[in-house]
Amino acid sequence: YRQAAGKERELVASISNGGSTNYADSVKGRFTISRD
């Protein structure tokens, strides 16, 4: 998640326990979430 000054916290990326990922449109193609 991220929270910019004066704005609400937003979810930008998630990864399931199986490795499926989802991204907010604003970061899609630029951010990559992963897990160990």
PDB file of all heavy atoms in Angstrom:
ATOM      1  N   TYR A   1       0.845  -1.180   0.000  1.00  0.00           N
ATOM      2  CA  TYR A   1       0.000   0.000   0.000  1.00  0.00           C
ATOM      3  C   TYR A   1       0.891   1.244   0.000  1.00  0.00           C
ATOM      4  O   TYR A   1       2.068   1.175   0.351  1.00  0.00           O
ATOM      5  CB  TYR A   1      -0.860   0.042   1.269  1.00  0.00           C
ATOM      6  CG  TYR A   1      -1.816  -1.107   1.428  1.00  0.00           C
ATOM      7  CD1 TYR A   1      -1.377  -2.372   1.803  1.00  0.00           C
ATOM      8  CD2 TYR A   1      -3.183  -0.916   1.216  1.00  0.00           C
ATOM      9  CE1 TYR A   1      -2.260  -3.423   1.950  1.00  0.00           C
ATOM     10  CE2 TYR A   1      -4.080  -1.964   1.374  1.00  0.00           C
ATOM     11  CZ  TYR A   1      -3.613  -3.204   1.744  1.00  0.00           C
ATOM     12  OH  TYR A   1      -4.495  -4.247   1.900  1.00  0.00           O
ATOM     13  N   ARG A   2       0.290   2.364  -0.361  1.00  0.00           N
ATOM     14  CA  ARG A   2       1.015   3.613  -0.219  1.00  0.00           C
ATOM     15  C   ARG A   2       0.056   4.715   0.179  1.00  0.00           C
ATOM     16  O   ARG A   2      -1.135   4.657  -0.116  1.00  0.00           O
ATOM     17  CB  ARG A   2       1.750   3.997  -1.502  1.00  0.00           C
ATOM     18  CG  ARG A   2       0.857   4.368  -2.674  1.00  0.00           C
ATOM     19  CD  ARG A   2       1.705   4.613  -3.914  1.00  0.00           C
ATOM     20  NE  ARG A   2       0.896   4.979  -5.072  1.00  0.00           N
ATOM     21  CZ  ARG A   2       1.382   5.108  -6.291  1.00  0.00           C
ATOM     22  NH1 ARG A   2       2.678   4.882  -6.535  1.00  0.00           N
ATOM     23  NH2 ARG A   2       0.581   5.455  -7.290  1.00  0.00           N
ATOM     24  N   GLN A   3       0.618   5.703   0.866  1.00  0.00           N
ATOM     25  CA  GLN A   3      -0.176   6.854   1.272  1.00  0.00           C
ATOM     26  C   GLN A   3       0.633   8.109   1.014  1.00  0.00           C
ATOM     27  O   GLN A   3       1.678   8.332   1.644  1.00  0.00           O
ATOM     28  CB  GLN A   3      -0.558   6.767   2.745  1.00  0.00           C
ATOM     29  CG  GLN A   3      -1.500   7.874   3.182  1.00  0.00           C
ATOM     30  CD  GLN A   3      -2.131   7.619   4.531  1.00  0.00           C
ATOM     31  OE1 GLN A   3      -1.615   6.831   5.340  1.00  0.00           O
ATOM     32  NE2 GLN A   3      -3.268   8.238   4.790  1.00  0.00           N
ATOM     33  N   ALA A   4       0.161   8.891   0.078  1.00  0.00           N
ATOM     34  CA  ALA A   4       0.793  10.173  -0.217  1.00  0.00           C
ATOM     35  C   ALA A   4       0.224  11.233   0.715  1.00  0.00           C
ATOM     36  O   ALA A   4      -0.860  11.071   1.277  1.00  0.00           O
ATOM     37  CB  ALA A   4       0.545  10.550  -1.674  1.00  0.00           C
ATOM     38  N   ALA A   5       0.968  12.301   0.878  1.00  0.00           N
ATOM     39  CA  ALA A   5       0.550  13.368   1.777  1.00  0.00           C
ATOM     40  C   ALA A   5      -0.830  13.884   1.374  1.00  0.00           C
ATOM     41  O   ALA A   5      -1.071  14.208   0.206  1.00  0.00           O
ATOM     42  CB  ALA A   5       1.561  14.492   1.747  1.00  0.00           C
ATOM     43  N   GLY A   6      -1.730  13.926   2.336  1.00  0.00           N
ATOM     44  CA  GLY A   6      -3.064  14.443   2.093  1.00  0.00           C
ATOM     45  C   GLY A   6      -3.995  13.518   1.355  1.00  0.00           C
ATOM     46  O   GLY A   6      -5.107  13.923   0.993  1.00  0.00           O
ATOM     47  N   LYS A   7      -3.561  12.282   1.125  1.00  0.00           N
ATOM     48  CA  LYS A   7      -4.396  11.335   0.392  1.00  0.00           C
ATOM     49  C   LYS A   7      -4.644  10.099   1.227  1.00  0.00           C
ATOM     50  O   LYS A   7      -3.947   9.832   2.211  1.00  0.00           O
ATOM     51  CB  LYS A   7      -3.728  10.960  -0.934  1.00  0.00           C
ATOM     52  CG  LYS A   7      -3.591  12.123  -1.898  1.00  0.00           C
ATOM     53  CD  LYS A   7      -3.086  11.653  -3.242  1.00  0.00           C
ATOM     54  CE  LYS A   7      -3.028  12.793  -4.244  1.00  0.00           C
ATOM     55  NZ  LYS A   7      -2.556  12.340  -5.580  1.00  0.00           N
ATOM     56  N   GLU A   8      -5.645   9.323   0.817  1.00  0.00           N
ATOM     57  CA  GLU A   8      -5.942   8.086   1.513  1.00  0.00           C
ATOM     58  C   GLU A   8      -4.942   6.991   1.100  1.00  0.00           C
ATOM     59  O   GLU A   8      -4.369   7.036   0.008  1.00  0.00           O
ATOM     60  CB  GLU A   8      -7.364   7.633   1.186  1.00  0.00           C
ATOM     61  CG  GLU A   8      -8.424   8.550   1.761  1.00  0.00           C
ATOM     62  CD  GLU A   8      -9.816   7.948   1.655  1.00  0.00           C
ATOM     63  OE1 GLU A   8      -9.962   6.856   1.062  1.00  0.00           O
ATOM     64  OE2 GLU A   8     -10.755   8.586   2.158  1.00  0.00           O
ATOM     65  N   ARG A   9      -4.776   6.054   1.996  1.00  0.00           N
ATOM     66  CA  ARG A   9      -3.923   4.913   1.705  1.00  0.00           C
ATOM     67  C   ARG A   9      -4.580   4.075   0.599  1.00  0.00           C
ATOM     68  O   ARG A   9      -5.787   3.861   0.599  1.00  0.00           O
ATOM     69  CB  ARG A   9      -3.731   4.088   2.961  1.00  0.00           C
ATOM     70  CG  ARG A   9      -2.685   3.020   2.892  1.00  0.00           C
ATOM     71  CD  ARG A   9      -2.484   2.412   4.268  1.00  0.00           C
ATOM     72  NE  ARG A   9      -1.833   3.353   5.167  1.00  0.00           N
ATOM     73  CZ  ARG A   9      -1.898   3.269   6.496  1.00  0.00           C
ATOM     74  NH1 ARG A   9      -2.579   2.303   7.062  1.00  0.00           N
ATOM     75  NH2 ARG A   9      -1.257   4.145   7.241  1.00  0.00           N
ATOM     76  N   GLU A  10      -3.750   3.613  -0.351  1.00  0.00           N
ATOM     77  CA  GLU A  10      -4.276   2.816  -1.445  1.00  0.00           C
ATOM     78  C   GLU A  10      -3.436   1.554  -1.628  1.00  0.00           C
ATOM     79  O   GLU A  10      -2.226   1.547  -1.397  1.00  0.00           O
ATOM     80  CB  GLU A  10      -4.264   3.629  -2.754  1.00  0.00           C
ATOM     81  CG  GLU A  10      -2.891   4.085  -3.198  1.00  0.00           C
ATOM     82  CD  GLU A  10      -2.885   4.709  -4.585  1.00  0.00           C
ATOM     83  OE1 GLU A  10      -3.833   4.499  -5.368  1.00  0.00           O
ATOM     84  OE2 GLU A  10      -1.886   5.396  -4.900  1.00  0.00           O
ATOM     85  N   LEU A  11      -4.106   0.507  -2.085  1.00  0.00           N
ATOM     86  CA  LEU A  11      -3.434  -0.748  -2.403  1.00  0.00           C
ATOM     87  C   LEU A  11      -2.843  -0.630  -3.808  1.00  0.00           C
ATOM     88  O   LEU A  11      -3.574  -0.340  -4.751  1.00  0.00           O
ATOM     89  CB  LEU A  11      -4.418  -1.904  -2.333  1.00  0.00           C
ATOM     90  CG  LEU A  11      -3.898  -3.288  -2.687  1.00  0.00           C
ATOM     91  CD1 LEU A  11      -2.842  -3.748  -1.698  1.00  0.00           C
ATOM     92  CD2 LEU A  11      -5.059  -4.291  -2.740  1.00  0.00           C
ATOM     93  N   VAL A  12      -1.550  -0.875  -3.942  1.00  0.00           N
ATOM     94  CA  VAL A  12      -0.928  -0.747  -5.257  1.00  0.00           C
ATOM     95  C   VAL A  12      -0.567  -2.088  -5.874  1.00  0.00           C
ATOM     96  O   VAL A  12      -0.479  -2.194  -7.097  1.00  0.00           O
ATOM     97  CB  VAL A  12       0.326   0.162  -5.225  1.00  0.00           C
ATOM     98  CG1 VAL A  12      -0.046   1.578  -4.834  1.00  0.00           C
ATOM     99  CG2 VAL A  12       1.388  -0.385  -4.287  1.00  0.00           C
ATOM    100  N   ALA A  13      -0.351  -3.102  -5.040  1.00  0.00           N
ATOM    101  CA  ALA A  13       0.006  -4.412  -5.582  1.00  0.00           C
ATOM    102  C   ALA A  13      -0.290  -5.479  -4.542  1.00  0.00           C
ATOM    103  O   ALA A  13      -0.178  -5.224  -3.341  1.00  0.00           O
ATOM    104  CB  ALA A  13       1.476  -4.463  -5.964  1.00  0.00           C
ATOM    105  N   SER A  14      -0.671  -6.663  -5.018  1.00  0.00           N
ATOM    106  CA  SER A  14      -0.886  -7.779  -4.114  1.00  0.00           C
ATOM    107  C   SER A  14      -0.398  -9.062  -4.768  1.00  0.00           C
ATOM    108  O   SER A  14      -0.337  -9.159  -6.005  1.00  0.00           O
ATOM    109  CB  SER A  14      -2.349  -7.903  -3.719  1.00  0.00           C
ATOM    110  OG  SER A  14      -3.139  -8.187  -4.843  1.00  0.00           O
ATOM    111  N   ILE A  15      -0.066 -10.019  -3.919  1.00  0.00           N
ATOM    112  CA  ILE A  15       0.376 -11.326  -4.399  1.00  0.00           C
ATOM    113  C   ILE A  15      -0.268 -12.387  -3.515  1.00  0.00           C
ATOM    114  O   ILE A  15      -0.177 -12.324  -2.284  1.00  0.00           O
ATOM    115  CB  ILE A  15       1.908 -11.429  -4.423  1.00  0.00           C
ATOM    116  CG1 ILE A  15       2.353 -12.764  -5.009  1.00  0.00           C
ATOM    117  CG2 ILE A  15       2.520 -11.179  -3.050  1.00  0.00           C
ATOM    118  CD1 ILE A  15       3.830 -12.809  -5.373  1.00  0.00           C
ATOM    119  N   SER A  16      -0.929 -13.346  -4.146  1.00  0.00           N
ATOM    120  CA  SER A  16      -1.606 -14.388  -3.397  1.00  0.00           C
ATOM    121  C   SER A  16      -0.612 -15.410  -2.876  1.00  0.00           C
ATOM    122  O   SER A  16       0.564 -15.418  -3.246  1.00  0.00           O
ATOM    123  CB  SER A  16      -2.641 -15.070  -4.278  1.00  0.00           C
ATOM    124  OG  SER A  16      -1.978 -15.895  -5.230  1.00  0.00           O
ATOM    125  N   ASN A  17      -1.106 -16.316  -2.026  1.00  0.00           N
ATOM    126  CA  ASN A  17      -0.224 -17.369  -1.528  1.00  0.00           C
ATOM    127  C   ASN A  17       0.220 -18.287  -2.660  1.00  0.00           C
ATOM    128  O   ASN A  17       1.257 -18.942  -2.551  1.00  0.00           O
ATOM    129  CB  ASN A  17      -0.893 -18.154  -0.402  1.00  0.00           C
ATOM    130  CG  ASN A  17      -2.224 -18.759  -0.810  1.00  0.00           C
ATOM    131  OD1 ASN A  17      -2.772 -18.431  -1.852  1.00  0.00           O
ATOM    132  ND2 ASN A  17      -2.759 -19.620   0.030  1.00  0.00           N
ATOM    133  N   GLY A  18      -0.519 -18.287  -3.756  1.00  0.00           N
ATOM    134  CA  GLY A  18      -0.135 -19.088  -4.916  1.00  0.00           C
ATOM    135  C   GLY A  18       0.723 -18.348  -5.921  1.00  0.00           C
ATOM    136  O   GLY A  18       1.126 -18.933  -6.936  1.00  0.00           O
ATOM    137  N   GLY A  19       0.960 -17.065  -5.665  1.00  0.00           N
ATOM    138  CA  GLY A  19       1.821 -16.292  -6.547  1.00  0.00           C
ATOM    139  C   GLY A  19       1.106 -15.445  -7.581  1.00  0.00           C
ATOM    140  O   GLY A  19       1.759 -14.753  -8.373  1.00  0.00           O
ATOM    141  N   SER A  20      -0.212 -15.442  -7.585  1.00  0.00           N
ATOM    142  CA  SER A  20      -0.950 -14.576  -8.513  1.00  0.00           C
ATOM    143  C   SER A  20      -0.820 -13.126  -8.065  1.00  0.00           C
ATOM    144  O   SER A  20      -0.894 -12.834  -6.873  1.00  0.00           O
ATOM    145  CB  SER A  20      -2.419 -14.967  -8.548  1.00  0.00           C
ATOM    146  OG  SER A  20      -2.571 -16.284  -9.030  1.00  0.00           O
ATOM    147  N   THR A  21      -0.650 -12.238  -9.031  1.00  0.00           N
ATOM    148  CA  THR A  21      -0.425 -10.835  -8.711  1.00  0.00           C
ATOM    149  C   THR A  21      -1.494  -9.932  -9.305  1.00  0.00           C
ATOM    150  O   THR A  21      -2.107 -10.259 -10.329  1.00  0.00           O
ATOM    151  CB  THR A  21       0.951 -10.377  -9.229  1.00  0.00           C
ATOM    152  OG1 THR A  21       1.005 -10.583 -10.653  1.00  0.00           O
ATOM    153  CG2 THR A  21       2.076 -11.159  -8.571  1.00  0.00           C
ATOM    154  N   ASN A  22      -1.696  -8.818  -8.647  1.00  0.00           N
ATOM    155  CA  ASN A  22      -2.593  -7.776  -9.131  1.00  0.00           C
ATOM    156  C   ASN A  22      -1.959  -6.423  -8.857  1.00  0.00           C
ATOM    157  O   ASN A  22      -1.261  -6.261  -7.851  1.00  0.00           O
ATOM    158  CB  ASN A  22      -3.959  -7.848  -8.442  1.00  0.00           C
ATOM    159  CG  ASN A  22      -4.822  -8.944  -9.003  1.00  0.00           C
ATOM    160  OD1 ASN A  22      -5.340  -8.841 -10.111  1.00  0.00           O
ATOM    161  ND2 ASN A  22      -4.971 -10.024  -8.252  1.00  0.00           N
ATOM    162  N   TYR A  23      -2.235  -5.477  -9.757  1.00  0.00           N
ATOM    163  CA  TYR A  23      -1.626  -4.155  -9.638  1.00  0.00           C
ATOM    164  C   TYR A  23      -2.661  -3.069  -9.882  1.00  0.00           C
ATOM    165  O   TYR A  23      -3.578  -3.236 -10.690  1.00  0.00           O
ATOM    166  CB  TYR A  23      -0.502  -3.988 -10.660  1.00  0.00           C
ATOM    167  CG  TYR A  23       0.625  -4.967 -10.488  1.00  0.00           C
ATOM    168  CD1 TYR A  23       0.641  -6.170 -11.176  1.00  0.00           C
ATOM    169  CD2 TYR A  23       1.671  -4.680  -9.622  1.00  0.00           C
ATOM    170  CE1 TYR A  23       1.666  -7.079 -11.001  1.00  0.00           C
ATOM    171  CE2 TYR A  23       2.715  -5.583  -9.444  1.00  0.00           C
ATOM    172  CZ  TYR A  23       2.697  -6.773 -10.139  1.00  0.00           C
ATOM    173  OH  TYR A  23       3.732  -7.665  -9.962  1.00  0.00           O
ATOM    174  N   ALA A  24      -2.472  -1.958  -9.199  1.00  0.00           N
ATOM    175  CA  ALA A  24      -3.265  -0.779  -9.515  1.00  0.00           C
ATOM    176  C   ALA A  24      -2.858  -0.280 -10.897  1.00  0.00           C
ATOM    177  O   ALA A  24      -1.699  -0.438 -11.310  1.00  0.00           O
ATOM    178  CB  ALA A  24      -3.022   0.309  -8.479  1.00  0.00           C
ATOM    179  N   ASP A  25      -3.802   0.312 -11.593  1.00  0.00           N
ATOM    180  CA  ASP A  25      -3.512   0.789 -12.948  1.00  0.00           C
ATOM    181  C   ASP A  25      -2.335   1.772 -12.962  1.00  0.00           C
ATOM    182  O   ASP A  25      -1.567   1.809 -13.923  1.00  0.00           O
ATOM    183  CB  ASP A  25      -4.748   1.463 -13.539  1.00  0.00           C
ATOM    184  CG  ASP A  25      -5.824   0.451 -13.909  1.00  0.00           C
ATOM    185  OD1 ASP A  25      -5.517  -0.756 -13.998  1.00  0.00           O
ATOM    186  OD2 ASP A  25      -6.979   0.873 -14.098  1.00  0.00           O
ATOM    187  N   SER A  26      -2.201   2.525 -11.913  1.00  0.00           N
ATOM    188  CA  SER A  26      -1.177   3.575 -11.874  1.00  0.00           C
ATOM    189  C   SER A  26       0.248   3.020 -11.824  1.00  0.00           C
ATOM    190  O   SER A  26       1.198   3.741 -12.133  1.00  0.00           O
ATOM    191  CB  SER A  26      -1.413   4.497 -10.676  1.00  0.00           C
ATOM    192  OG  SER A  26      -1.390   3.750  -9.468  1.00  0.00           O
ATOM    193  N   VAL A  27       0.389   1.749 -11.450  1.00  0.00           N
ATOM    194  CA  VAL A  27       1.736   1.181 -11.329  1.00  0.00           C
ATOM    195  C   VAL A  27       1.952  -0.001 -12.265  1.00  0.00           C
ATOM    196  O   VAL A  27       3.078  -0.520 -12.354  1.00  0.00           O
ATOM    197  CB  VAL A  27       2.050   0.757  -9.877  1.00  0.00           C
ATOM    198  CG1 VAL A  27       1.799   1.918  -8.920  1.00  0.00           C
ATOM    199  CG2 VAL A  27       1.249  -0.471  -9.456  1.00  0.00           C
ATOM    200  N   LYS A  28       0.920  -0.410 -12.947  1.00  0.00           N
ATOM    201  CA  LYS A  28       1.005  -1.586 -13.806  1.00  0.00           C
ATOM    202  C   LYS A  28       2.085  -1.381 -14.868  1.00  0.00           C
ATOM    203  O   LYS A  28       2.171  -0.332 -15.501  1.00  0.00           O
ATOM    204  CB  LYS A  28      -0.353  -1.836 -14.463  1.00  0.00           C
ATOM    205  CG  LYS A  28      -0.589  -3.254 -14.920  1.00  0.00           C
ATOM    206  CD  LYS A  28      -2.049  -3.444 -15.325  1.00  0.00           C
ATOM    207  CE  LYS A  28      -2.988  -3.391 -14.145  1.00  0.00           C
ATOM    208  NZ  LYS A  28      -4.390  -3.662 -14.508  1.00  0.00           N
ATOM    209  N   GLY A  29       2.923  -2.390 -15.016  1.00  0.00           N
ATOM    210  CA  GLY A  29       4.007  -2.308 -15.998  1.00  0.00           C
ATOM    211  C   GLY A  29       5.279  -1.686 -15.447  1.00  0.00           C
ATOM    212  O   GLY A  29       6.333  -1.748 -16.091  1.00  0.00           O
ATOM    213  N   ARG A  30       5.180  -1.073 -14.272  1.00  0.00           N
ATOM    214  CA  ARG A  30       6.365  -0.439 -13.675  1.00  0.00           C
ATOM    215  C   ARG A  30       6.787  -1.105 -12.369  1.00  0.00           C
ATOM    216  O   ARG A  30       7.971  -1.160 -12.052  1.00  0.00           O
ATOM    217  CB  ARG A  30       6.088   1.048 -13.398  1.00  0.00           C
ATOM    218  CG  ARG A  30       5.722   1.855 -14.623  1.00  0.00           C
ATOM    219  CD  ARG A  30       5.639   3.331 -14.297  1.00  0.00           C
ATOM    220  NE  ARG A  30       4.590   3.626 -13.315  1.00  0.00           N
ATOM    221  CZ  ARG A  30       4.812   4.214 -12.136  1.00  0.00           C
ATOM    222  NH1 ARG A  30       6.035   4.569 -11.774  1.00  0.00           N
ATOM    223  NH2 ARG A  30       3.797   4.477 -11.303  1.00  0.00           N
ATOM    224  N   PHE A  31       5.818  -1.595 -11.607  1.00  0.00           N
ATOM    225  CA  PHE A  31       6.095  -2.226 -10.318  1.00  0.00           C
ATOM    226  C   PHE A  31       5.907  -3.736 -10.441  1.00  0.00           C
ATOM    227  O   PHE A  31       5.030  -4.213 -11.164  1.00  0.00           O
ATOM    228  CB  PHE A  31       5.138  -1.708  -9.248  1.00  0.00           C
ATOM    229  CG  PHE A  31       5.352  -0.279  -8.824  1.00  0.00           C
ATOM    230  CD1 PHE A  31       6.195   0.575  -9.508  1.00  0.00           C
ATOM    231  CD2 PHE A  31       4.678   0.223  -7.713  1.00  0.00           C
ATOM    232  CE1 PHE A  31       6.385   1.890  -9.112  1.00  0.00           C
ATOM    233  CE2 PHE A  31       4.847   1.538  -7.300  1.00  0.00           C
ATOM    234  CZ  PHE A  31       5.699   2.365  -8.009  1.00  0.00           C
ATOM    235  N   THR A  32       6.718  -4.472  -9.680  1.00  0.00           N
ATOM    236  CA  THR A  32       6.588  -5.924  -9.625  1.00  0.00           C
ATOM    237  C   THR A  32       6.630  -6.375  -8.174  1.00  0.00           C
ATOM    238  O   THR A  32       7.582  -6.058  -7.453  1.00  0.00           O
ATOM    239  CB  THR A  32       7.718  -6.610 -10.402  1.00  0.00           C
ATOM    240  OG1 THR A  32       7.708  -6.168 -11.765  1.00  0.00           O
ATOM    241  CG2 THR A  32       7.539  -8.128 -10.367  1.00  0.00           C
ATOM    242  N   ILE A  33       5.602  -7.102  -7.771  1.00  0.00           N
ATOM    243  CA  ILE A  33       5.561  -7.644  -6.430  1.00  0.00           C
ATOM    244  C   ILE A  33       6.002  -9.104  -6.472  1.00  0.00           C
ATOM    245  O   ILE A  33       5.692  -9.829  -7.415  1.00  0.00           O
ATOM    246  CB  ILE A  33       4.148  -7.507  -5.809  1.00  0.00           C
ATOM    247  CG1 ILE A  33       4.143  -7.871  -4.334  1.00  0.00           C
ATOM    248  CG2 ILE A  33       3.111  -8.307  -6.593  1.00  0.00           C
ATOM    249  CD1 ILE A  33       2.838  -7.535  -3.619  1.00  0.00           C
ATOM    250  N   SER A  34       6.733  -9.514  -5.447  1.00  0.00           N
ATOM    251  CA  SER A  34       7.177 -10.906  -5.349  1.00  0.00           C
ATOM    252  C   SER A  34       7.277 -11.268  -3.870  1.00  0.00           C
ATOM    253  O   SER A  34       7.200 -10.394  -3.001  1.00  0.00           O
ATOM    254  CB  SER A  34       8.528 -11.098  -6.050  1.00  0.00           C
ATOM    255  OG  SER A  34       9.525 -10.283  -5.459  1.00  0.00           O
ATOM    256  N   ARG A  35       7.447 -12.546  -3.616  1.00  0.00           N
ATOM    257  CA  ARG A  35       7.519 -12.993  -2.235  1.00  0.00           C
ATOM    258  C   ARG A  35       8.506 -14.124  -2.082  1.00  0.00           C
ATOM    259  O   ARG A  35       8.749 -14.877  -3.019  1.00  0.00           O
ATOM    260  CB  ARG A  35       6.139 -13.417  -1.729  1.00  0.00           C
ATOM    261  CG  ARG A  35       5.562 -14.639  -2.406  1.00  0.00           C
ATOM    262  CD  ARG A  35       4.082 -14.827  -2.045  1.00  0.00           C
ATOM    263  NE  ARG A  35       3.916 -15.073  -0.613  1.00  0.00           N
ATOM    264  CZ  ARG A  35       2.750 -14.888   0.021  1.00  0.00           C
ATOM    265  NH1 ARG A  35       1.685 -14.460  -0.651  1.00  0.00           N
ATOM    266  NH2 ARG A  35       2.665 -15.136   1.310  1.00  0.00           N
ATOM    267  N   ASP A  36       9.073 -14.227  -0.890  1.00  0.00           N
ATOM    268  CA  ASP A  36       9.962 -15.318  -0.513  1.00  0.00           C
ATOM    269  C   ASP A  36       9.389 -15.903   0.771  1.00  0.00           C
ATOM    270  O   ASP A  36       9.592 -15.341   1.859  1.00  0.00           O
ATOM    271  CB  ASP A  36      11.381 -14.802  -0.318  1.00  0.00           C
ATOM    272  CG  ASP A  36      12.369 -15.905   0.004  1.00  0.00           C
ATOM    273  OD1 ASP A  36      11.929 -16.995   0.460  1.00  0.00           O
ATOM    274  OD2 ASP A  36      13.569 -15.692  -0.177  1.00  0.00           O
TER     275      ASP A  36
END
